[in-house]
Protein backbone atom coordinates (compact mmCIF):
# COMPACT_ATOMS: atom_id res chain seq x y z
CA MET A 1 83.02 3.89 7.29
CA LYS A 2 84.14 4.96 10.71
CA ILE A 3 81.31 5.85 13.04
CA LYS A 4 81.97 8.74 15.36
CA LYS A 5 81.23 7.89 18.98
CA ILE A 6 78.70 10.23 20.53
CA LYS A 7 79.37 11.18 24.10
CA LEU A 8 76.28 11.03 26.26
CA PRO A 9 75.42 14.12 28.29
CA LYS A 10 76.37 14.03 31.95
CA ILE A 11 73.21 13.31 33.92
CA PRO A 12 72.70 14.85 37.34
CA LYS A 13 72.54 12.27 40.13
CA SER A 14 69.25 13.59 41.47
CA LEU A 15 66.63 16.02 40.29
CA GLY A 16 64.39 18.24 42.39
CA SER A 17 62.33 18.78 39.26
CA ILE A 18 62.55 17.27 35.80
CA ASN A 19 65.40 18.71 33.76
CA PRO A 20 63.98 19.87 30.39
CA VAL A 21 67.26 19.07 28.58
CA LEU A 22 67.22 15.56 30.01
CA LEU A 23 63.55 15.17 29.10
CA GLY A 24 64.33 16.28 25.55
CA ASP A 25 67.12 13.70 25.27
CA LEU A 26 64.78 10.93 26.41
CA LEU A 27 62.03 12.02 24.03
CA PHE A 28 64.05 12.59 20.87
CA ARG A 29 67.43 10.83 21.13
CA LYS A 30 66.06 7.37 20.50
CA ASP A 31 69.48 5.82 19.80
CA HIS A 32 70.73 6.69 23.31
CA ARG A 33 67.43 6.74 25.19
CA SER A 34 67.90 3.64 27.36
CA GLU A 35 71.53 4.49 28.20
CA THR A 36 70.52 8.00 29.27
CA PHE A 37 67.71 6.60 31.40
CA LEU A 38 70.00 4.11 33.18
CA GLU A 39 72.35 6.96 34.17
CA LEU A 40 69.62 8.31 36.43
CA GLN A 41 69.16 7.66 40.13
CA PRO A 42 66.39 5.08 40.83
CA GLU A 43 64.04 7.65 42.38
CA VAL A 44 64.51 9.98 39.41
CA ARG A 45 63.73 7.17 36.96
CA VAL A 46 60.30 6.70 38.54
CA GLU A 47 59.62 10.44 38.54
CA ILE A 48 60.58 10.96 34.93
CA LEU A 49 58.74 7.88 33.62
CA ALA A 50 55.48 9.52 34.70
CA SER A 51 56.26 12.48 32.40
CA LEU A 52 57.02 10.46 29.27
CA THR A 53 54.61 9.54 26.51
CA ARG A 54 53.45 5.92 26.30
CA PRO A 55 55.54 5.04 23.19
CA VAL A 56 58.72 6.46 24.76
CA LYS A 57 57.98 4.77 28.07
CA ARG A 58 57.53 1.43 26.29
CA ASP A 59 60.73 1.87 24.28
CA ILE A 60 62.74 2.47 27.46
CA LEU A 61 61.24 -0.43 29.42
CA MET A 62 61.69 -2.79 26.48
CA HIS A 63 65.40 -1.98 26.11
CA ILE A 64 66.61 -1.91 29.72
CA PRO A 65 67.47 -5.15 31.60
CA GLU A 66 64.62 -7.02 33.32
CA GLU A 67 66.29 -6.44 36.70
CA GLU A 68 66.01 -2.66 36.20
CA VAL A 69 62.33 -2.99 35.28
CA VAL A 70 61.75 -5.02 38.46
CA ALA A 71 63.42 -2.31 40.54
CA ILE A 72 61.06 0.29 39.05
CA LEU A 73 57.95 -1.87 39.56
CA SER A 74 58.93 -2.56 43.16
CA SER A 75 59.11 1.15 43.95
CA VAL A 76 55.62 2.11 42.75
CA ASP A 77 52.09 1.12 43.76
CA PRO A 78 50.82 -2.23 42.41
CA ASP A 79 48.27 -0.50 40.17
CA GLU A 80 51.00 1.68 38.63
CA ALA A 81 53.24 -1.39 38.29
CA THR A 82 50.39 -3.15 36.49
CA ASP A 83 50.00 -0.24 34.06
CA LEU A 84 53.71 -0.37 33.27
CA LEU A 85 53.66 -4.14 32.79
CA GLN A 86 50.79 -3.85 30.32
CA ILE A 87 53.00 -1.66 28.13
CA LEU A 88 55.55 -4.44 27.69
CA SER A 89 55.47 -7.22 25.14
CA ARG A 90 54.17 -10.58 26.36
CA LYS A 91 57.65 -12.14 26.31
CA LYS A 92 59.27 -9.30 28.27
CA ARG A 93 56.38 -9.24 30.76
CA GLU A 94 56.77 -12.95 31.51
CA LYS A 95 60.51 -12.54 32.14
CA VAL A 96 59.87 -9.62 34.53
CA LEU A 97 57.11 -11.47 36.42
CA LEU A 98 59.52 -14.33 37.15
CA LEU A 99 61.85 -11.92 38.97
CA LEU A 100 59.23 -10.12 41.08
CA SER A 101 58.72 -10.74 44.79
CA GLN A 102 55.84 -13.09 45.55
CA ASP A 103 53.75 -10.37 47.22
CA LEU A 104 54.07 -7.98 44.30
CA LYS A 105 53.58 -10.79 41.79
CA ASP A 106 50.34 -11.82 43.51
CA SER A 107 49.07 -8.22 43.55
CA ILE A 108 49.92 -7.59 39.92
CA SER A 109 48.54 -10.95 38.78
CA THR A 110 45.25 -10.09 40.48
CA LEU A 111 45.07 -6.65 38.84
CA LEU A 112 45.98 -8.02 35.41
CA GLU A 113 42.89 -10.23 35.51
CA PHE A 114 40.57 -7.20 35.39
CA ASP A 115 39.58 -5.04 32.44
CA ALA A 116 41.65 -1.84 32.44
CA ALA A 117 38.61 0.15 31.25
CA THR A 118 36.57 -0.68 34.37
CA ALA A 119 36.67 0.43 38.00
CA ALA A 120 38.84 -2.63 38.75
CA GLY A 121 41.43 -1.25 36.35
CA LEU A 122 41.84 1.82 38.60
CA MET A 123 42.05 0.08 41.96
CA THR A 124 44.98 -0.65 44.26
CA LEU A 125 45.37 -3.50 46.73
CA ASP A 126 46.87 -1.49 49.58
CA TYR A 127 44.31 -2.30 52.25
CA ILE A 128 43.85 -4.57 55.26
CA GLN A 129 40.63 -6.00 56.65
CA SER A 130 39.70 -6.00 60.33
CA ASP A 131 36.57 -7.06 62.12
CA VAL A 132 34.39 -4.46 63.81
CA GLY A 133 35.08 -6.18 67.15
CA ASP A 134 38.90 -6.05 66.88
CA ASN A 135 40.76 -3.82 69.27
CA VAL A 136 43.12 -1.01 68.31
CA ALA A 137 46.27 -2.95 69.20
CA ALA A 138 45.39 -5.83 66.85
CA VAL A 139 44.61 -3.48 63.99
CA ALA A 140 47.80 -1.48 64.57
CA HIS A 141 49.80 -4.72 64.34
CA LYS A 142 48.19 -5.59 60.97
CA PHE A 143 48.82 -2.05 59.77
CA LYS A 144 52.55 -2.19 60.65
CA GLU A 145 52.97 -5.64 59.10
CA HIS A 146 51.45 -4.51 55.80
CA GLU A 147 53.53 -1.33 55.73
CA LYS A 148 56.69 -3.28 56.56
CA ARG A 149 55.99 -5.83 53.81
CA THR A 150 54.97 -3.42 51.05
CA GLY A 151 56.48 -0.09 52.09
CA ARG A 152 53.05 1.56 51.77
CA PRO A 153 50.45 2.42 54.45
CA PRO A 154 47.20 0.52 53.87
CA VAL A 155 43.56 1.61 54.09
CA ILE A 156 41.95 -0.03 57.14
CA LEU A 157 38.67 -1.64 56.04
CA VAL A 158 36.27 -2.63 58.81
CA MET A 159 34.14 -5.71 58.21
CA GLU A 160 30.98 -6.91 59.93
CA GLU A 161 29.82 -10.46 59.31
CA GLY A 162 32.09 -10.63 56.27
CA LYS A 163 30.71 -7.49 54.63
CA LEU A 164 32.18 -3.99 54.44
CA LYS A 165 30.98 -1.69 57.23
CA GLY A 166 33.32 1.23 56.54
CA PHE A 167 36.91 2.24 57.14
CA LEU A 168 38.99 3.28 60.13
CA PRO A 169 40.92 6.56 59.71
CA GLY A 170 44.61 5.84 60.29
CA HIS A 171 45.07 8.63 62.82
CA GLU A 172 42.66 6.89 65.22
CA LEU A 173 45.34 4.26 65.85
CA GLY A 174 47.44 6.96 67.48
CA PHE A 175 44.72 8.53 69.62
CA ALA A 176 42.54 5.62 70.75
CA THR A 177 43.61 3.35 73.60
CA LYS A 178 44.98 -0.05 72.59
CA SER A 179 42.24 -2.03 74.31
CA GLU A 180 39.34 -0.17 72.65
CA THR A 181 37.39 -1.86 69.89
CA ILE A 182 37.44 -0.03 66.58
CA GLY A 183 33.68 -0.15 65.99
CA LYS A 184 32.91 3.34 67.28
CA TYR A 185 35.56 4.95 65.07
CA VAL A 186 34.31 3.49 61.79
CA LYS A 187 33.54 5.99 58.99
CA ARG A 188 31.24 5.39 56.05
CA MET A 189 32.94 4.43 52.78
CA PRO A 190 31.31 4.63 49.32
CA VAL A 191 31.41 1.48 47.20
CA ILE A 192 31.23 0.70 43.50
CA SER A 193 31.11 -2.44 41.38
CA TYR A 194 34.34 -3.73 39.89
CA ALA A 195 32.64 -3.71 36.46
CA ALA A 196 31.64 -0.02 36.61
CA THR A 197 33.02 2.20 33.85
CA HIS A 198 35.51 4.97 34.46
CA LYS A 199 32.67 7.41 33.75
CA GLU A 200 30.60 5.89 36.57
CA VAL A 201 33.56 6.12 38.97
CA GLN A 202 34.11 9.74 37.94
CA ASP A 203 30.44 10.57 38.51
CA LEU A 204 30.59 9.01 41.98
CA PHE A 205 33.58 11.13 42.98
CA LEU A 206 32.00 14.29 41.53
CA ALA A 207 28.66 13.71 43.25
CA HIS A 208 30.18 12.75 46.61
CA PRO A 209 33.69 14.20 46.96
CA HIS A 210 35.83 11.94 49.14
CA GLY A 211 39.30 10.44 49.24
CA LYS A 212 38.63 6.80 48.37
CA VAL A 213 36.06 4.23 47.23
CA ALA A 214 35.89 0.49 47.88
CA VAL A 215 35.54 -1.79 44.84
CA LEU A 216 33.25 -4.81 45.30
CA ASN A 217 32.82 -7.97 43.26
CA ASP A 218 29.50 -9.66 42.42
CA ALA A 219 29.41 -11.29 45.87
CA GLU A 220 29.93 -7.84 47.46
CA ASP A 221 33.39 -8.78 48.71
CA VAL A 222 36.06 -6.08 48.65
CA VAL A 223 38.56 -6.55 45.83
CA GLY A 224 40.35 -3.19 45.90
CA ILE A 225 40.43 0.54 46.65
CA ILE A 226 40.27 3.52 44.29
CA TYR A 227 41.83 6.79 45.45
CA SER A 228 40.74 10.22 44.27
CA ASP A 229 44.12 10.84 42.61
CA ASP A 230 43.56 7.76 40.42
CA ILE A 231 40.33 9.16 39.01
CA LEU A 232 41.97 12.59 38.63
CA LYS A 233 44.50 10.97 36.30
CA VAL A 234 41.63 9.57 34.23
CA MET A 235 39.99 13.01 34.08
CA GLN A 236 43.28 14.59 33.00
CA ASP A 237 43.65 11.97 30.26
CA GLN A 238 40.10 12.74 29.09
CA GLU A 239 40.87 16.47 29.00
CA SER A 240 44.00 15.80 26.95
CA SER A 241 41.99 13.59 24.62
CA SER A 242 39.34 16.29 24.17
CA LEU A 243 42.06 18.85 23.43
CA TYR A 244 43.54 16.59 20.74
CA ASP A 245 40.08 15.97 19.27
CA PHE A 246 39.36 19.70 19.27
CA ALA A 247 42.45 20.22 17.14
CA GLY A 248 41.67 17.26 14.88
CA ILE A 249 44.62 15.25 16.19
CA HIS A 250 44.55 11.56 17.12
CA ASP A 251 44.45 11.08 20.90
CA GLU A 252 47.50 8.80 20.87
CA GLU A 253 49.72 11.17 18.91
CA SER A 254 52.76 12.42 20.80
CA VAL A 255 55.48 14.98 20.23
CA THR A 256 57.95 12.22 19.40
CA ASP A 257 55.94 10.64 16.57
CA SER A 258 57.48 10.49 13.10
CA ALA A 259 56.25 12.68 10.26
CA HIS A 260 54.61 9.63 8.64
CA ARG A 261 52.60 8.82 11.78
CA LYS A 262 51.55 12.44 12.20
CA VAL A 263 50.23 12.44 8.64
CA GLN A 264 48.27 9.24 9.32
CA ASN A 265 46.68 10.76 12.41
CA ARG A 266 45.67 14.09 10.87
CA TYR A 267 44.93 13.82 7.16
CA ARG A 268 41.27 12.73 7.48
CA TRP A 269 40.32 15.79 9.50
CA LEU A 270 42.19 18.06 7.11
CA ILE A 271 40.41 16.54 4.11
CA ILE A 272 37.03 17.14 5.77
CA ASN A 273 38.04 20.72 6.49
CA LEU A 274 39.17 21.08 2.89
CA GLY A 275 35.71 20.02 1.73
CA THR A 276 34.04 22.67 3.88
CA ALA A 277 36.51 25.26 2.57
CA PHE A 278 35.40 24.46 -0.98
CA LEU A 279 31.82 25.05 0.14
CA ALA A 280 32.77 28.51 1.37
CA SER A 281 34.62 29.15 -1.90
CA PHE A 282 31.53 28.14 -3.85
CA VAL A 283 29.47 30.75 -1.98
CA VAL A 284 32.05 33.43 -2.80
CA SER A 285 32.07 32.40 -6.48
CA ARG A 286 28.34 33.22 -6.71
CA PHE A 287 29.23 36.90 -6.20
CA GLN A 288 31.98 37.29 -8.81
CA ASP A 289 30.28 40.24 -10.48
CA THR A 290 30.03 42.14 -7.19
CA LEU A 291 33.66 41.40 -6.30
CA SER A 292 34.93 42.43 -9.73
CA LYS A 293 33.15 45.79 -9.47
CA TYR A 294 34.10 46.46 -5.84
CA VAL A 295 37.56 44.99 -5.28
CA LEU A 296 37.73 46.56 -1.82
CA LEU A 297 35.24 43.93 -0.62
CA ALA A 298 37.86 41.19 -1.07
CA VAL A 299 40.20 43.03 1.30
CA TYR A 300 37.72 42.89 4.18
CA MET A 301 36.20 39.44 3.58
CA PRO A 302 38.69 37.60 5.86
CA ILE A 303 37.76 39.88 8.76
CA VAL A 304 34.13 38.74 8.68
CA ALA A 305 34.99 35.03 8.59
CA GLY A 306 37.84 35.34 11.09
CA MET A 307 35.83 37.20 13.71
CA GLY A 308 32.94 34.75 13.32
CA GLY A 309 35.28 31.79 13.78
CA ASN A 310 36.90 33.30 16.88
CA ALA A 311 33.53 34.10 18.45
CA ALA A 312 32.29 30.55 17.72
CA THR A 313 35.40 29.05 19.34
CA GLN A 314 34.76 31.06 22.52
CA THR A 315 31.16 29.86 22.67
CA LEU A 316 32.12 26.27 21.90
CA ALA A 317 34.74 26.21 24.68
CA VAL A 318 32.17 27.38 27.25
CA LEU A 319 29.58 24.84 26.05
CA VAL A 320 31.99 21.88 26.01
CA ARG A 321 33.02 22.72 29.58
CA GLY A 322 29.37 23.00 30.61
CA ILE A 323 28.51 19.66 28.98
CA SER A 324 31.45 17.88 30.63
CA LEU A 325 30.38 19.24 34.04
CA LYS A 326 26.74 18.30 33.35
CA GLN A 327 25.64 21.93 33.73
CA ILE A 328 23.67 21.98 30.49
CA GLU A 329 21.93 19.73 27.98
CA LEU A 330 19.80 20.30 24.88
CA LYS A 331 16.47 20.49 26.69
CA THR A 332 17.75 23.14 29.14
CA ALA A 333 19.65 25.21 26.57
CA PHE A 334 17.16 28.04 25.95
CA ARG A 335 18.45 30.41 28.63
CA THR A 336 22.08 29.83 27.63
CA LEU A 337 21.24 30.27 23.95
CA TRP A 338 19.39 33.52 24.69
CA ASN A 339 22.33 34.88 26.70
CA GLU A 340 24.86 33.86 24.03
CA LEU A 341 22.78 35.50 21.29
CA GLY A 342 22.46 38.68 23.36
CA ALA A 343 26.19 38.77 23.98
CA SER A 344 26.88 38.13 20.30
CA VAL A 345 24.75 41.09 19.15
CA THR A 346 26.47 43.38 21.64
CA ASN A 347 29.95 42.18 20.65
CA GLY A 348 28.93 42.47 16.99
CA LEU A 349 27.88 46.09 17.49
CA ILE A 350 31.13 46.96 19.30
CA ASN A 351 33.37 45.34 16.69
CA GLY A 352 31.16 46.47 13.81
CA VAL A 353 31.45 50.11 14.84
CA LEU A 354 35.22 49.80 15.24
CA VAL A 355 35.74 48.19 11.83
CA ALA A 356 33.39 50.68 10.18
CA VAL A 357 35.39 53.60 11.59
CA VAL A 358 38.61 52.05 10.24
CA VAL A 359 37.11 51.60 6.76
CA ILE A 360 35.84 55.21 6.69
CA LEU A 361 39.22 56.56 7.80
CA LEU A 362 41.26 54.44 5.40
CA ASN A 363 39.00 54.13 2.37
CA HIS A 364 36.44 56.92 2.83
CA ASP A 365 33.65 54.52 1.81
CA VAL A 366 30.62 54.78 4.07
CA LYS A 367 28.61 52.09 2.23
CA ILE A 368 31.27 49.40 2.56
CA ALA A 369 31.79 50.42 6.21
CA LEU A 370 28.06 49.91 6.80
CA ILE A 371 28.05 46.56 4.96
CA LEU A 372 31.03 45.30 6.96
CA ALA A 373 29.48 46.36 10.28
CA MET A 374 26.16 44.69 9.48
CA ALA A 375 27.87 41.50 8.29
CA MET A 376 29.95 41.46 11.47
CA ILE A 377 26.81 41.57 13.64
CA LEU A 378 25.09 38.85 11.60
CA ASN A 379 28.10 36.51 11.67
CA MET A 380 28.57 36.99 15.42
CA PHE A 381 24.91 35.98 15.78
CA VAL A 382 25.52 32.90 13.59
CA ALA A 383 28.60 32.00 15.67
CA ALA A 384 26.64 32.15 18.92
CA PHE A 385 23.70 30.18 17.52
CA PHE A 386 25.72 27.32 16.05
CA GLY A 387 28.39 27.45 18.77
CA THR A 388 25.67 26.82 21.36
CA LEU A 389 23.41 24.30 19.65
CA VAL A 390 25.83 22.14 17.62
CA PRO A 391 27.84 20.77 20.60
CA LEU A 392 24.59 20.09 22.48
CA ILE A 393 23.15 18.21 19.49
CA MET A 394 26.38 16.22 19.09
CA SER A 395 26.30 15.33 22.79
CA LYS A 396 22.66 14.26 22.45
CA LEU A 397 23.71 11.98 19.58
CA HIS A 398 26.44 10.54 21.86
CA LYS A 399 29.24 12.12 19.84
CA ASP A 400 32.18 13.97 21.38
CA PRO A 401 31.16 17.65 21.03
CA ALA A 402 34.76 18.85 21.05
CA ALA A 403 35.72 16.55 18.19
CA SER A 404 32.66 16.80 15.96
CA ALA A 405 31.28 20.31 16.47
CA THR A 406 34.18 22.35 15.13
CA ILE A 407 33.71 21.42 11.47
CA PHE A 408 30.00 22.27 11.45
CA ILE A 409 30.49 25.53 13.33
CA THR A 410 33.40 26.69 11.15
CA THR A 411 31.43 25.85 8.02
CA ALA A 412 28.45 27.87 9.29
CA THR A 413 30.49 30.97 10.16
CA ASP A 414 32.45 30.86 6.88
CA VAL A 415 29.55 30.14 4.54
CA LEU A 416 26.93 32.32 6.22
CA GLY A 417 29.48 35.03 6.98
CA PHE A 418 30.49 35.35 3.33
CA LEU A 419 26.85 35.08 2.28
CA ALA A 420 25.84 37.91 4.61
CA PHE A 421 28.75 40.16 3.62
CA LEU A 422 28.54 39.67 -0.14
CA GLY A 423 24.75 39.47 -0.16
CA LEU A 424 24.46 42.80 1.63
CA ALA A 425 27.07 44.25 -0.71
CA THR A 426 25.05 43.12 -3.74
CA LEU A 427 21.84 44.67 -2.38
CA ILE A 428 23.34 47.97 -1.19
CA LEU A 429 25.99 48.70 -3.85
CA HIS A 430 24.01 47.76 -7.00
């Protein structure tokens, strides 16, 4: 069988911003992914790699020549180069390491020794050390040598008796006289242990906003620097993870995954949701006599559950944000709960009146209008109550509130919403 040759799209030589057509080709045209990538200018390759999912990034790096991988690693910071190397297979990584410059190889080898889940996994090695008694000219010489060797300006760490005293802002090299000692220009620099978790690093940056933190080993020697943009990347990853969890999607799922993988990542959540749906159906089945006599009730049942679910989602979003920012916890929740309940009653009244007016105009049934309005208020109240407390309880139990709270809240609004609506209908219409 003759195979038709597919002509690759012409790739622009440089990109001011990432071309969405090009990005789509790299994401979905797996058979021509590496060829398309190699058509790009070197600077564009680095830019677009940052926008690709981890599986696609790995596929590209595994299928392009080692020399091209080296060129990419040499053009990014050592910590970014380390992250890219960790994506590769062991065999490919060893081949690439053999081709790296000695400076970059030493930096990467040092970073690879540390656990990626710790503060050391976030640090970079772009720094120089100077003694507090050094003059500006000597420090400037070290600065230029490092920048010439690596292509990146270093952080100037100031040491006193072998221990970190602080850092010297780079601009001082241009304003101070060459013969001055740097001691009087030293600024305080926060420090953190190399073994600290990403959460601890994040808390440090949130509590004391600054541009960089020094990473120390057990002997309190400096082993690296963490910049604020590095921890911002971690926070963005956590937000993405929470968004996936909120939707019941595995945090490593990407847009390029096969249908089989997507099923593997999602089916458990859907089965759990199916179980809660049967619970809601069971509640409805208890009121078959009422529904058979008043068929109009079935028409308006979805409105009660839907409005309760939407209201609960709004409350949950606010609470998850508050928990992540440490603005609220279970023991301080009373005021928030009170405000949410008050808002829910008001919103229930507004929407209840509106839906009652619609029912009266369309169906001329005042009793069902009243039942629907009352059920709306009750389910809004339920949504606020569970939407506030469930994520706080999950957080107290050290569970991700975004991932675990949705099932319980949806179950509450569906089950109690139907119970309120059909229960009121049974009492008022019989």
